[in-house]
Amino acid sequence: MSQYAHEAIGIFGRTIAVYDIAETVVNHRAVKTPGADYNIFGVIQPAGERDLQILPEGDRTRGAIIVHTKADLKIADSGSTAESYVRHRGKVYRVRALAPWDDQEFRRYVATTWQDR
């Protein structure tokens, strides 16, 4: 990653509220339990067309954002028993993918609008 990208993240970065939902099995049923909010540092920007291509087809029509951060977020549907959710501008976004990015420290996640059920 270039020096300029580090500087941009330093200038535009902010605290982002995140929470994880863990899945456990109780009496042979999957139970999802949300954890407490925690803060990470990063930059959020709208997702572009190329970013949407790495998502499952049904998720490409939802609103999506990119989260640049050093934090290790949990990705939904990756075989993990936990998944991360990002709070941004009154909406909740579900982390769906780790986008390819030639960096050394930062990760680039794609998150889609999530509706509580």
PDB file of N, CA and C in Angstrom:
ATOM      1  N   MET A   1       0.859  -1.160   0.000  1.00  0.00           N
ATOM      2  CA  MET A   1       0.000   0.000   0.000  1.00  0.00           C
ATOM      3  C   MET A   1       0.908   1.226   0.000  1.00  0.00           C
ATOM      4  N   SER A   2       0.510   2.225  -0.701  1.00  0.00           N
ATOM      5  CA  SER A   2       1.340   3.418  -0.803  1.00  0.00           C
ATOM      6  C   SER A   2       1.270   4.270   0.462  1.00  0.00           C
ATOM      7  N   GLN A   3       2.248   5.140   0.563  1.00  0.00           N
ATOM      8  CA  GLN A   3       2.283   6.085   1.683  1.00  0.00           C
ATOM      9  C   GLN A   3       1.028   6.948   1.658  1.00  0.00           C
ATOM     10  N   TYR A   4       0.544   7.282   0.471  1.00  0.00           N
ATOM     11  CA  TYR A   4      -0.629   8.140   0.349  1.00  0.00           C
ATOM     12  C   TYR A   4      -1.888   7.465   0.885  1.00  0.00           C
ATOM     13  N   ALA A   5      -2.010   6.158   0.671  1.00  0.00           N
ATOM     14  CA  ALA A   5      -3.168   5.437   1.213  1.00  0.00           C
ATOM     15  C   ALA A   5      -3.134   5.443   2.732  1.00  0.00           C
ATOM     16  N   HIS A   6      -1.957   5.246   3.323  1.00  0.00           N
ATOM     17  CA  HIS A   6      -1.838   5.310   4.779  1.00  0.00           C
ATOM     18  C   HIS A   6      -2.229   6.689   5.295  1.00  0.00           C
ATOM     19  N   GLU A   7      -1.775   7.728   4.612  1.00  0.00           N
ATOM     20  CA  GLU A   7      -2.109   9.093   5.022  1.00  0.00           C
ATOM     21  C   GLU A   7      -3.607   9.348   4.904  1.00  0.00           C
ATOM     22  N   ALA A   8      -4.222   8.864   3.821  1.00  0.00           N
ATOM     23  CA  ALA A   8      -5.664   9.073   3.632  1.00  0.00           C
ATOM     24  C   ALA A   8      -6.458   8.385   4.732  1.00  0.00           C
ATOM     25  N   ILE A   9      -6.073   7.175   5.077  1.00  0.00           N
ATOM     26  CA  ILE A   9      -6.774   6.466   6.140  1.00  0.00           C
ATOM     27  C   ILE A   9      -6.562   7.182   7.465  1.00  0.00           C
ATOM     28  N   GLY A  10      -5.367   7.707   7.673  1.00  0.00           N
ATOM     29  CA  GLY A  10      -5.109   8.473   8.889  1.00  0.00           C
ATOM     30  C   GLY A  10      -5.951   9.735   8.973  1.00  0.00           C
ATOM     31  N   ILE A  11      -6.184  10.380   7.843  1.00  0.00           N
ATOM     32  CA  ILE A  11      -6.964  11.624   7.817  1.00  0.00           C
ATOM     33  C   ILE A  11      -8.464  11.348   7.899  1.00  0.00           C
ATOM     34  N   PHE A  12      -8.949  10.388   7.106  1.00  0.00           N
ATOM     35  CA  PHE A  12     -10.383  10.149   6.995  1.00  0.00           C
ATOM     36  C   PHE A  12     -10.896   9.047   7.910  1.00  0.00           C
ATOM     37  N   GLY A  13      -9.988   8.335   8.553  1.00  0.00           N
ATOM     38  CA  GLY A  13     -10.398   7.249   9.445  1.00  0.00           C
ATOM     39  C   GLY A  13     -11.172   7.768  10.640  1.00  0.00           C
ATOM     40  N   ARG A  14     -12.000   6.908  11.175  1.00  0.00           N
ATOM     41  CA  ARG A  14     -12.797   7.267  12.338  1.00  0.00           C
ATOM     42  C   ARG A  14     -13.120   6.006  13.125  1.00  0.00           C
ATOM     43  N   THR A  15     -13.703   6.204  14.285  1.00  0.00           N
ATOM     44  CA  THR A  15     -14.144   5.084  15.103  1.00  0.00           C
ATOM     45  C   THR A  15     -15.436   4.519  14.518  1.00  0.00           C
ATOM     46  N   ILE A  16     -15.479   3.210  14.373  1.00  0.00           N
ATOM     47  CA  ILE A  16     -16.631   2.533  13.789  1.00  0.00           C
ATOM     48  C   ILE A  16     -17.161   1.535  14.816  1.00  0.00           C
ATOM     49  N   ALA A  17     -18.465   1.571  15.064  1.00  0.00           N
ATOM     50  CA  ALA A  17     -19.095   0.632  16.004  1.00  0.00           C
ATOM     51  C   ALA A  17     -19.382  -0.686  15.292  1.00  0.00           C
ATOM     52  N   VAL A  18     -18.973  -1.772  15.932  1.00  0.00           N
ATOM     53  CA  VAL A  18     -19.128  -3.114  15.377  1.00  0.00           C
ATOM     54  C   VAL A  18     -19.632  -4.033  16.480  1.00  0.00           C
ATOM     55  N   TYR A  19     -20.365  -5.071  16.113  1.00  0.00           N
ATOM     56  CA  TYR A  19     -20.688  -6.133  17.064  1.00  0.00           C
ATOM     57  C   TYR A  19     -20.642  -7.458  16.322  1.00  0.00           C
ATOM     58  N   ASP A  20     -20.440  -8.528  17.061  1.00  0.00           N
ATOM     59  CA  ASP A  20     -20.394  -9.866  16.490  1.00  0.00           C
ATOM     60  C   ASP A  20     -21.601 -10.661  16.982  1.00  0.00           C
ATOM     61  N   ILE A  21     -22.058 -11.561  16.151  1.00  0.00           N
ATOM     62  CA  ILE A  21     -23.090 -12.503  16.554  1.00  0.00           C
ATOM     63  C   ILE A  21     -22.457 -13.887  16.498  1.00  0.00           C
ATOM     64  N   ALA A  22     -22.496 -14.579  17.618  1.00  0.00           N
ATOM     65  CA  ALA A  22     -21.937 -15.928  17.706  1.00  0.00           C
ATOM     66  C   ALA A  22     -23.054 -16.949  17.607  1.00  0.00           C
ATOM     67  N   GLU A  23     -22.759 -18.049  16.933  1.00  0.00           N
ATOM     68  CA  GLU A  23     -23.742 -19.112  16.799  1.00  0.00           C
ATOM     69  C   GLU A  23     -23.286 -20.320  17.623  1.00  0.00           C
ATOM     70  N   THR A  24     -24.170 -20.802  18.456  1.00  0.00           N
ATOM     71  CA  THR A  24     -23.908 -22.003  19.248  1.00  0.00           C
ATOM     72  C   THR A  24     -25.066 -22.975  19.052  1.00  0.00           C
ATOM     73  N   VAL A  25     -24.847 -24.208  19.404  1.00  0.00           N
ATOM     74  CA  VAL A  25     -25.897 -25.220  19.288  1.00  0.00           C
ATOM     75  C   VAL A  25     -26.401 -25.550  20.686  1.00  0.00           C
ATOM     76  N   VAL A  26     -27.704 -25.358  20.874  1.00  0.00           N
ATOM     77  CA  VAL A  26     -28.352 -25.655  22.148  1.00  0.00           C
ATOM     78  C   VAL A  26     -29.524 -26.580  21.856  1.00  0.00           C
ATOM     79  N   ASN A  27     -29.523 -27.749  22.488  1.00  0.00           N
ATOM     80  CA  ASN A  27     -30.578 -28.736  22.260  1.00  0.00           C
ATOM     81  C   ASN A  27     -30.784 -29.020  20.775  1.00  0.00           C
ATOM     82  N   HIS A  28     -29.685 -29.195  20.050  1.00  0.00           N
ATOM     83  CA  HIS A  28     -29.681 -29.532  18.620  1.00  0.00           C
ATOM     84  C   HIS A  28     -30.231 -28.413  17.733  1.00  0.00           C
ATOM     85  N   ARG A  29     -30.267 -27.200  18.254  1.00  0.00           N
ATOM     86  CA  ARG A  29     -30.726 -26.043  17.464  1.00  0.00           C
ATOM     87  C   ARG A  29     -29.661 -24.960  17.481  1.00  0.00           C
ATOM     88  N   ALA A  30     -29.499 -24.314  16.350  1.00  0.00           N
ATOM     89  CA  ALA A  30     -28.546 -23.207  16.273  1.00  0.00           C
ATOM     90  C   ALA A  30     -29.155 -21.974  16.941  1.00  0.00           C
ATOM     91  N   VAL A  31     -28.403 -21.375  17.844  1.00  0.00           N
ATOM     92  CA  VAL A  31     -28.851 -20.171  18.548  1.00  0.00           C
ATOM     93  C   VAL A  31     -27.830 -19.074  18.280  1.00  0.00           C
ATOM     94  N   LYS A  32     -28.308 -17.944  17.759  1.00  0.00           N
ATOM     95  CA  LYS A  32     -27.422 -16.812  17.490  1.00  0.00           C
ATOM     96  C   LYS A  32     -27.542 -15.805  18.621  1.00  0.00           C
ATOM     97  N   THR A  33     -26.380 -15.421  19.171  1.00  0.00           N
ATOM     98  CA  THR A  33     -26.352 -14.504  20.301  1.00  0.00           C
ATOM     99  C   THR A  33     -25.505 -13.287  19.949  1.00  0.00           C
ATOM    100  N   PRO A  34     -26.113 -12.086  19.936  1.00  0.00           N
ATOM    101  CA  PRO A  34     -25.324 -10.881  19.648  1.00  0.00           C
ATOM    102  C   PRO A  34     -24.457 -10.497  20.838  1.00  0.00           C
ATOM    103  N   GLY A  35     -23.254 -10.071  20.528  1.00  0.00           N
ATOM    104  CA  GLY A  35     -22.341  -9.587  21.559  1.00  0.00           C
ATOM    105  C   GLY A  35     -22.469  -8.082  21.717  1.00  0.00           C
ATOM    106  N   ALA A  36     -21.715  -7.546  22.646  1.00  0.00           N
ATOM    107  CA  ALA A  36     -21.718  -6.103  22.889  1.00  0.00           C
ATOM    108  C   ALA A  36     -20.985  -5.378  21.768  1.00  0.00           C
ATOM    109  N   ASP A  37     -21.367  -4.117  21.551  1.00  0.00           N
ATOM    110  CA  ASP A  37     -20.657  -3.289  20.581  1.00  0.00           C
ATOM    111  C   ASP A  37     -19.215  -3.088  21.023  1.00  0.00           C
ATOM    112  N   TYR A  38     -18.324  -2.995  20.042  1.00  0.00           N
ATOM    113  CA  TYR A  38     -16.944  -2.604  20.295  1.00  0.00           C
ATOM    114  C   TYR A  38     -16.517  -1.687  19.161  1.00  0.00           C
ATOM    115  N   ASN A  39     -15.457  -0.941  19.356  1.00  0.00           N
ATOM    116  CA  ASN A  39     -15.023   0.032  18.366  1.00  0.00           C
ATOM    117  C   ASN A  39     -13.778  -0.432  17.638  1.00  0.00           C
ATOM    118  N   ILE A  40     -13.749  -0.144  16.337  1.00  0.00           N
ATOM    119  CA  ILE A  40     -12.562  -0.350  15.519  1.00  0.00           C
ATOM    120  C   ILE A  40     -12.252   0.987  14.852  1.00  0.00           C
ATOM    121  N   PHE A  41     -11.071   1.108  14.281  1.00  0.00           N
ATOM    122  CA  PHE A  41     -10.698   2.313  13.548  1.00  0.00           C
ATOM    123  C   PHE A  41     -10.613   1.961  12.076  1.00  0.00           C
ATOM    124  N   GLY A  42     -11.180   2.805  11.223  1.00  0.00           N
ATOM    125  CA  GLY A  42     -11.112   2.540   9.795  1.00  0.00           C
ATOM    126  C   GLY A  42     -11.817   3.597   8.973  1.00  0.00           C
ATOM    127  N   VAL A  43     -11.962   3.298   7.705  1.00  0.00           N
ATOM    128  CA  VAL A  43     -12.623   4.180   6.750  1.00  0.00           C
ATOM    129  C   VAL A  43     -13.755   3.399   6.099  1.00  0.00           C
ATOM    130  N   ILE A  44     -14.905   4.054   5.946  1.00  0.00           N
ATOM    131  CA  ILE A  44     -16.042   3.457   5.251  1.00  0.00           C
ATOM    132  C   ILE A  44     -16.296   4.259   3.984  1.00  0.00           C
ATOM    133  N   GLN A  45     -16.539   3.535   2.889  1.00  0.00           N
ATOM    134  CA  GLN A  45     -16.895   4.191   1.634  1.00  0.00           C
ATOM    135  C   GLN A  45     -17.916   3.326   0.915  1.00  0.00           C
ATOM    136  N   PRO A  46     -18.662   3.906  -0.024  1.00  0.00           N
ATOM    137  CA  PRO A  46     -19.632   3.108  -0.778  1.00  0.00           C
ATOM    138  C   PRO A  46     -18.914   2.040  -1.597  1.00  0.00           C
ATOM    139  N   ALA A  47     -19.553   0.898  -1.776  1.00  0.00           N
ATOM    140  CA  ALA A  47     -18.986  -0.173  -2.600  1.00  0.00           C
ATOM    141  C   ALA A  47     -19.214   0.139  -4.073  1.00  0.00           C
ATOM    142  N   GLY A  48     -18.240  -0.204  -4.889  1.00  0.00           N
ATOM    143  CA  GLY A  48     -18.348  -0.022  -6.334  1.00  0.00           C
ATOM    144  C   GLY A  48     -18.785  -1.303  -7.020  1.00  0.00           C
ATOM    145  N   GLU A  49     -18.979  -1.235  -8.318  1.00  0.00           N
ATOM    146  CA  GLU A  49     -19.431  -2.392  -9.095  1.00  0.00           C
ATOM    147  C   GLU A  49     -18.474  -3.573  -8.968  1.00  0.00           C
ATOM    148  N   ARG A  50     -17.178  -3.327  -9.011  1.00  0.00           N
ATOM    149  CA  ARG A  50     -16.203  -4.421  -8.904  1.00  0.00           C
ATOM    150  C   ARG A  50     -16.277  -5.084  -7.529  1.00  0.00           C
ATOM    151  N   ASP A  51     -16.542  -4.296  -6.493  1.00  0.00           N
ATOM    152  CA  ASP A  51     -16.668  -4.854  -5.146  1.00  0.00           C
ATOM    153  C   ASP A  51     -17.871  -5.773  -5.053  1.00  0.00           C
ATOM    154  N   LEU A  52     -18.956  -5.400  -5.707  1.00  0.00           N
ATOM    155  CA  LEU A  52     -20.189  -6.180  -5.641  1.00  0.00           C
ATOM    156  C   LEU A  52     -20.048  -7.532  -6.337  1.00  0.00           C
ATOM    157  N   GLN A  53     -19.136  -7.643  -7.285  1.00  0.00           N
ATOM    158  CA  GLN A  53     -18.985  -8.890  -8.036  1.00  0.00           C
ATOM    159  C   GLN A  53     -18.503 -10.048  -7.169  1.00  0.00           C
ATOM    160  N   ILE A  54     -17.861  -9.774  -6.030  1.00  0.00           N
ATOM    161  CA  ILE A  54     -17.388 -10.865  -5.177  1.00  0.00           C
ATOM    162  C   ILE A  54     -18.471 -11.365  -4.226  1.00  0.00           C
ATOM    163  N   LEU A  55     -19.613 -10.690  -4.207  1.00  0.00           N
ATOM    164  CA  LEU A  55     -20.720 -11.088  -3.338  1.00  0.00           C
ATOM    165  C   LEU A  55     -21.590 -12.140  -4.013  1.00  0.00           C
ATOM    166  N   PRO A  56     -22.300 -12.951  -3.225  1.00  0.00           N
ATOM    167  CA  PRO A  56     -23.295 -13.851  -3.823  1.00  0.00           C
ATOM    168  C   PRO A  56     -24.321 -13.021  -4.586  1.00  0.00           C
ATOM    169  N   GLU A  57     -24.855 -13.564  -5.654  1.00  0.00           N
ATOM    170  CA  GLU A  57     -25.725 -12.797  -6.539  1.00  0.00           C
ATOM    171  C   GLU A  57     -26.895 -12.133  -5.832  1.00  0.00           C
ATOM    172  N   GLY A  58     -27.515 -12.781  -4.880  1.00  0.00           N
ATOM    173  CA  GLY A  58     -28.657 -12.200  -4.186  1.00  0.00           C
ATOM    174  C   GLY A  58     -28.309 -10.988  -3.337  1.00  0.00           C
ATOM    175  N   ASP A  59     -27.045 -10.840  -2.967  1.00  0.00           N
ATOM    176  CA  ASP A  59     -26.627  -9.709  -2.141  1.00  0.00           C
ATOM    177  C   ASP A  59     -26.168  -8.506  -2.956  1.00  0.00           C
ATOM    178  N   ARG A  60     -26.084  -8.645  -4.250  1.00  0.00           N
ATOM    179  CA  ARG A  60     -25.567  -7.559  -5.089  1.00  0.00           C
ATOM    180  C   ARG A  60     -26.539  -6.402  -5.233  1.00  0.00           C
ATOM    181  N   THR A  61     -27.815  -6.616  -4.941  1.00  0.00           N
ATOM    182  CA  THR A  61     -28.788  -5.546  -5.097  1.00  0.00           C
ATOM    183  C   THR A  61     -28.968  -4.740  -3.817  1.00  0.00           C
ATOM    184  N   ARG A  62     -28.449  -5.233  -2.701  1.00  0.00           N
ATOM    185  CA  ARG A  62     -28.563  -4.505  -1.438  1.00  0.00           C
ATOM    186  C   ARG A  62     -27.546  -3.378  -1.409  1.00  0.00           C
ATOM    187  N   GLY A  63     -27.786  -2.380  -0.567  1.00  0.00           N
ATOM    188  CA  GLY A  63     -26.797  -1.340  -0.373  1.00  0.00           C
ATOM    189  C   GLY A  63     -25.536  -1.955   0.218  1.00  0.00           C
ATOM    190  N   ALA A  64     -24.385  -1.520  -0.236  1.00  0.00           N
ATOM    191  CA  ALA A  64     -23.136  -2.103   0.243  1.00  0.00           C
ATOM    192  C   ALA A  64     -22.109  -1.017   0.532  1.00  0.00           C
ATOM    193  N   ILE A  65     -21.240  -1.311   1.490  1.00  0.00           N
ATOM    194  CA  ILE A  65     -20.144  -0.419   1.841  1.00  0.00           C
ATOM    195  C   ILE A  65     -18.844  -1.213   1.863  1.00  0.00           C
ATOM    196  N   ILE A  66     -17.751  -0.490   1.806  1.00  0.00           N
ATOM    197  CA  ILE A  66     -16.420  -1.050   1.983  1.00  0.00           C
ATOM    198  C   ILE A  66     -15.892  -0.530   3.309  1.00  0.00           C
ATOM    199  N   VAL A  67     -15.293  -1.400   4.102  1.00  0.00           N
ATOM    200  CA  VAL A  67     -14.688  -1.019   5.376  1.00  0.00           C
ATOM    201  C   VAL A  67     -13.202  -1.337   5.291  1.00  0.00           C
ATOM    202  N   HIS A  68     -12.364  -0.294   5.355  1.00  0.00           N
ATOM    203  CA  HIS A  68     -10.909  -0.455   5.391  1.00  0.00           C
ATOM    204  C   HIS A  68     -10.487  -0.389   6.853  1.00  0.00           C
ATOM    205  N   THR A  69      -9.863  -1.440   7.365  1.00  0.00           N
ATOM    206  CA  THR A  69      -9.487  -1.478   8.772  1.00  0.00           C
ATOM    207  C   THR A  69      -8.372  -2.485   9.008  1.00  0.00           C
ATOM    208  N   LYS A  70      -7.694  -2.343  10.118  1.00  0.00           N
ATOM    209  CA  LYS A  70      -6.716  -3.345  10.538  1.00  0.00           C
ATOM    210  C   LYS A  70      -7.386  -4.424  11.385  1.00  0.00           C
ATOM    211  N   ALA A  71      -8.615  -4.186  11.802  1.00  0.00           N
ATOM    212  CA  ALA A  71      -9.340  -5.127  12.662  1.00  0.00           C
ATOM    213  C   ALA A  71      -9.658  -6.416  11.906  1.00  0.00           C
ATOM    214  N   ASP A  72      -9.752  -7.492  12.644  1.00  0.00           N
ATOM    215  CA  ASP A  72     -10.088  -8.792  12.087  1.00  0.00           C
ATOM    216  C   ASP A  72     -11.587  -9.028  12.274  1.00  0.00           C
ATOM    217  N   LEU A  73     -12.370  -8.733  11.246  1.00  0.00           N
ATOM    218  CA  LEU A  73     -13.809  -8.911  11.318  1.00  0.00           C
ATOM    219  C   LEU A  73     -14.178 -10.328  10.887  1.00  0.00           C
ATOM    220  N   LYS A  74     -15.275 -10.828  11.419  1.00  0.00           N
ATOM    221  CA  LYS A  74     -15.741 -12.173  11.080  1.00  0.00           C
ATOM    222  C   LYS A  74     -16.649 -12.090   9.862  1.00  0.00           C
ATOM    223  N   ILE A  75     -16.439 -12.995   8.930  1.00  0.00           N
ATOM    224  CA  ILE A  75     -17.186 -12.980   7.681  1.00  0.00           C
ATOM    225  C   ILE A  75     -18.313 -14.002   7.727  1.00  0.00           C
ATOM    226  N   ALA A  76     -19.505 -13.557   7.432  1.00  0.00           N
ATOM    227  CA  ALA A  76     -20.668 -14.439   7.378  1.00  0.00           C
ATOM    228  C   ALA A  76     -20.483 -15.476   6.281  1.00  0.00           C
ATOM    229  N   ASP A  77     -20.987 -16.664   6.503  1.00  0.00           N
ATOM    230  CA  ASP A  77     -20.982 -17.739   5.504  1.00  0.00           C
ATOM    231  C   ASP A  77     -19.596 -18.236   5.131  1.00  0.00           C
ATOM    232  N   SER A  78     -18.602 -18.042   5.983  1.00  0.00           N
ATOM    233  CA  SER A  78     -17.259 -18.535   5.667  1.00  0.00           C
ATOM    234  C   SER A  78     -16.915 -19.767   6.497  1.00  0.00           C
ATOM    235  N   GLY A  79     -17.931 -20.398   7.061  1.00  0.00           N
ATOM    236  CA  GLY A  79     -17.694 -21.554   7.900  1.00  0.00           C
ATOM    237  C   GLY A  79     -17.405 -21.175   9.340  1.00  0.00           C
ATOM    238  N   SER A  80     -17.422 -19.892   9.637  1.00  0.00           N
ATOM    239  CA  SER A  80     -17.176 -19.401  10.983  1.00  0.00           C
ATOM    240  C   SER A  80     -18.445 -19.532  11.820  1.00  0.00           C
ATOM    241  N   THR A  81     -18.274 -19.622  13.126  1.00  0.00           N
ATOM    242  CA  THR A  81     -19.440 -19.661  14.012  1.00  0.00           C
ATOM    243  C   THR A  81     -19.805 -18.263  14.495  1.00  0.00           C
ATOM    244  N   ALA A  82     -19.144 -17.249  13.951  1.00  0.00           N
ATOM    245  CA  ALA A  82     -19.445 -15.859  14.314  1.00  0.00           C
ATOM    246  C   ALA A  82     -19.421 -15.006  13.051  1.00  0.00           C
ATOM    247  N   GLU A  83     -20.142 -13.903  13.101  1.00  0.00           N
ATOM    248  CA  GLU A  83     -20.129 -12.940  11.997  1.00  0.00           C
ATOM    249  C   GLU A  83     -20.205 -11.537  12.561  1.00  0.00           C
ATOM    250  N   SER A  84     -19.593 -10.584  11.841  1.00  0.00           N
ATOM    251  CA  SER A  84     -19.522  -9.203  12.309  1.00  0.00           C
ATOM    252  C   SER A  84     -20.547  -8.330  11.597  1.00  0.00           C
ATOM    253  N   TYR A  85     -21.023  -7.329  12.348  1.00  0.00           N
ATOM    254  CA  TYR A  85     -21.979  -6.342  11.838  1.00  0.00           C
ATOM    255  C   TYR A  85     -21.445  -4.951  12.143  1.00  0.00           C
ATOM    256  N   VAL A  86     -21.597  -4.033  11.190  1.00  0.00           N
ATOM    257  CA  VAL A  86     -21.082  -2.675  11.307  1.00  0.00           C
ATOM    258  C   VAL A  86     -22.256  -1.711  11.405  1.00  0.00           C
ATOM    259  N   ARG A  87     -22.188  -0.794  12.364  1.00  0.00           N
ATOM    260  CA  ARG A  87     -23.205   0.259  12.481  1.00  0.00           C
ATOM    261  C   ARG A  87     -22.666   1.504  11.779  1.00  0.00           C
ATOM    262  N   HIS A  88     -23.457   2.031  10.826  1.00  0.00           N
ATOM    263  CA  HIS A  88     -23.003   3.205  10.078  1.00  0.00           C
ATOM    264  C   HIS A  88     -24.211   4.025   9.627  1.00  0.00           C
ATOM    265  N   ARG A  89     -24.255   5.275  10.063  1.00  0.00           N
ATOM    266  CA  ARG A  89     -25.309   6.218   9.661  1.00  0.00           C
ATOM    267  C   ARG A  89     -26.717   5.665   9.849  1.00  0.00           C
ATOM    268  N   GLY A  90     -26.971   5.079  11.006  1.00  0.00           N
ATOM    269  CA  GLY A  90     -28.298   4.599  11.338  1.00  0.00           C
ATOM    270  C   GLY A  90     -28.676   3.260  10.726  1.00  0.00           C
ATOM    271  N   LYS A  91     -27.758   2.627  10.004  1.00  0.00           N
ATOM    272  CA  LYS A  91     -28.027   1.323   9.405  1.00  0.00           C
ATOM    273  C   LYS A  91     -27.064   0.300   9.983  1.00  0.00           C
ATOM    274  N   VAL A  92     -27.423  -0.956   9.824  1.00  0.00           N
ATOM    275  CA  VAL A  92     -26.548  -2.054  10.223  1.00  0.00           C
ATOM    276  C   VAL A  92     -26.165  -2.809   8.954  1.00  0.00           C
ATOM    277  N   TYR A  93     -24.868  -3.086   8.815  1.00  0.00           N
ATOM    278  CA  TYR A  93     -24.338  -3.794   7.654  1.00  0.00           C
ATOM    279  C   TYR A  93     -23.702  -5.102   8.100  1.00  0.00           C
ATOM    280  N   ARG A  94     -23.979  -6.161   7.378  1.00  0.00           N
ATOM    281  CA  ARG A  94     -23.418  -7.485   7.665  1.00  0.00           C
ATOM    282  C   ARG A  94     -22.160  -7.679   6.824  1.00  0.00           C
ATOM    283  N   VAL A  95     -21.051  -8.016   7.454  1.00  0.00           N
ATOM    284  CA  VAL A  95     -19.796  -8.235   6.737  1.00  0.00           C
ATOM    285  C   VAL A  95     -19.933  -9.516   5.928  1.00  0.00           C
ATOM    286  N   ARG A  96     -19.751  -9.400   4.608  1.00  0.00           N
ATOM    287  CA  ARG A  96     -20.003 -10.522   3.699  1.00  0.00           C
ATOM    288  C   ARG A  96     -18.755 -11.070   3.034  1.00  0.00           C
ATOM    289  N   ALA A  97     -17.707 -10.256   2.856  1.00  0.00           N
ATOM    290  CA  ALA A  97     -16.544 -10.736   2.109  1.00  0.00           C
ATOM    291  C   ALA A  97     -15.315  -9.910   2.444  1.00  0.00           C
ATOM    292  N   LEU A  98     -14.175 -10.533   2.268  1.00  0.00           N
ATOM    293  CA  LEU A  98     -12.895  -9.848   2.359  1.00  0.00           C
ATOM    294  C   LEU A  98     -12.450  -9.617   0.924  1.00  0.00           C
ATOM    295  N   ALA A  99     -12.436  -8.356   0.506  1.00  0.00           N
ATOM    296  CA  ALA A  99     -12.127  -8.026  -0.885  1.00  0.00           C
ATOM    297  C   ALA A  99     -10.620  -8.077  -1.113  1.00  0.00           C
ATOM    298  N   PRO A 100     -10.199  -8.534  -2.282  1.00  0.00           N
ATOM    299  CA  PRO A 100      -8.769  -8.529  -2.584  1.00  0.00           C
ATOM    300  C   PRO A 100      -8.232  -7.099  -2.556  1.00  0.00           C
ATOM    301  N   TRP A 101      -7.094  -6.937  -1.889  1.00  0.00           N
ATOM    302  CA  TRP A 101      -6.485  -5.608  -1.812  1.00  0.00           C
ATOM    303  C   TRP A 101      -5.013  -5.798  -1.541  1.00  0.00           C
ATOM    304  N   ASP A 102      -4.185  -5.222  -2.351  1.00  0.00           N
ATOM    305  CA  ASP A 102      -2.742  -5.363  -2.200  1.00  0.00           C
ATOM    306  C   ASP A 102      -2.271  -4.401  -1.114  1.00  0.00           C
ATOM    307  N   ASP A 103      -2.341  -4.866   0.114  1.00  0.00           N
ATOM    308  CA  ASP A 103      -1.963  -4.018   1.234  1.00  0.00           C
ATOM    309  C   ASP A 103      -1.012  -4.778   2.153  1.00  0.00           C
ATOM    310  N   GLN A 104      -0.531  -4.095   3.162  1.00  0.00           N
ATOM    311  CA  GLN A 104       0.367  -4.726   4.114  1.00  0.00           C
ATOM    312  C   GLN A 104      -0.253  -4.829   5.496  1.00  0.00           C
ATOM    313  N   GLU A 105      -1.141  -3.936   5.818  1.00  0.00           N
ATOM    314  CA  GLU A 105      -1.702  -3.918   7.166  1.00  0.00           C
ATOM    315  C   GLU A 105      -3.224  -3.864   7.188  1.00  0.00           C
ATOM    316  N   PHE A 106      -3.814  -3.179   6.244  1.00  0.00           N
ATOM    317  CA  PHE A 106      -5.261  -2.979   6.251  1.00  0.00           C
ATOM    318  C   PHE A 106      -5.982  -4.072   5.491  1.00  0.00           C
ATOM    319  N   ARG A 107      -7.188  -4.365   5.947  1.00  0.00           N
ATOM    320  CA  ARG A 107      -8.058  -5.305   5.252  1.00  0.00           C
ATOM    321  C   ARG A 107      -9.200  -4.492   4.632  1.00  0.00           C
ATOM    322  N   ARG A 108      -9.797  -5.042   3.601  1.00  0.00           N
ATOM    323  CA  ARG A 108     -10.859  -4.354   2.870  1.00  0.00           C
ATOM    324  C   ARG A 108     -12.068  -5.276   2.823  1.00  0.00           C
ATOM    325  N   TYR A 109     -13.065  -4.983   3.648  1.00  0.00           N
ATOM    326  CA  TYR A 109     -14.253  -5.817   3.761  1.00  0.00           C
ATOM    327  C   TYR A 109     -15.419  -5.213   2.992  1.00  0.00           C
ATOM    328  N   VAL A 110     -16.261  -6.083   2.428  1.00  0.00           N
ATOM    329  CA  VAL A 110     -17.502  -5.657   1.812  1.00  0.00           C
ATOM    330  C   VAL A 110     -18.626  -6.043   2.771  1.00  0.00           C
ATOM    331  N   ALA A 111     -19.504  -5.086   3.070  1.00  0.00           N
ATOM    332  CA  ALA A 111     -20.625  -5.336   3.973  1.00  0.00           C
ATOM    333  C   ALA A 111     -21.909  -4.865   3.288  1.00  0.00           C
ATOM    334  N   THR A 112     -22.978  -5.628   3.479  1.00  0.00           N
ATOM    335  CA  THR A 112     -24.263  -5.293   2.863  1.00  0.00           C
ATOM    336  C   THR A 112     -25.283  -4.899   3.916  1.00  0.00           C
ATOM    337  N   THR A 113     -26.249  -4.092   3.504  1.00  0.00           N
ATOM    338  CA  THR A 113     -27.305  -3.653   4.416  1.00  0.00           C
ATOM    339  C   THR A 113     -27.987  -4.883   4.999  1.00  0.00           C
ATOM    340  N   TRP A 114     -28.214  -4.836   6.316  1.00  0.00           N
ATOM    341  CA  TRP A 114     -28.829  -5.960   7.015  1.00  0.00           C
ATOM    342  C   TRP A 114     -30.105  -5.466   7.702  1.00  0.00           C
ATOM    343  N   GLN A 115     -31.145  -6.240   7.615  1.00  0.00           N
ATOM    344  CA  GLN A 115     -32.396  -5.901   8.293  1.00  0.00           C
ATOM    345  C   GLN A 115     -32.604  -6.894   9.413  1.00  0.00           C
ATOM    346  N   ASP A 116     -32.884  -6.372  10.611  1.00  0.00           N
ATOM    347  CA  ASP A 116     -33.154  -7.259  11.746  1.00  0.00           C
ATOM    348  C   ASP A 116     -34.438  -8.018  11.462  1.00  0.00           C
ATOM    349  N   ARG A 117     -34.431  -9.272  11.821  1.00  0.00           N
ATOM    350  CA  ARG A 117     -35.600 -10.125  11.544  1.00  0.00           C
ATOM    351  C   ARG A 117     -36.286 -10.504  12.814  1.00  0.00           C
TER     352      ARG A 117
END
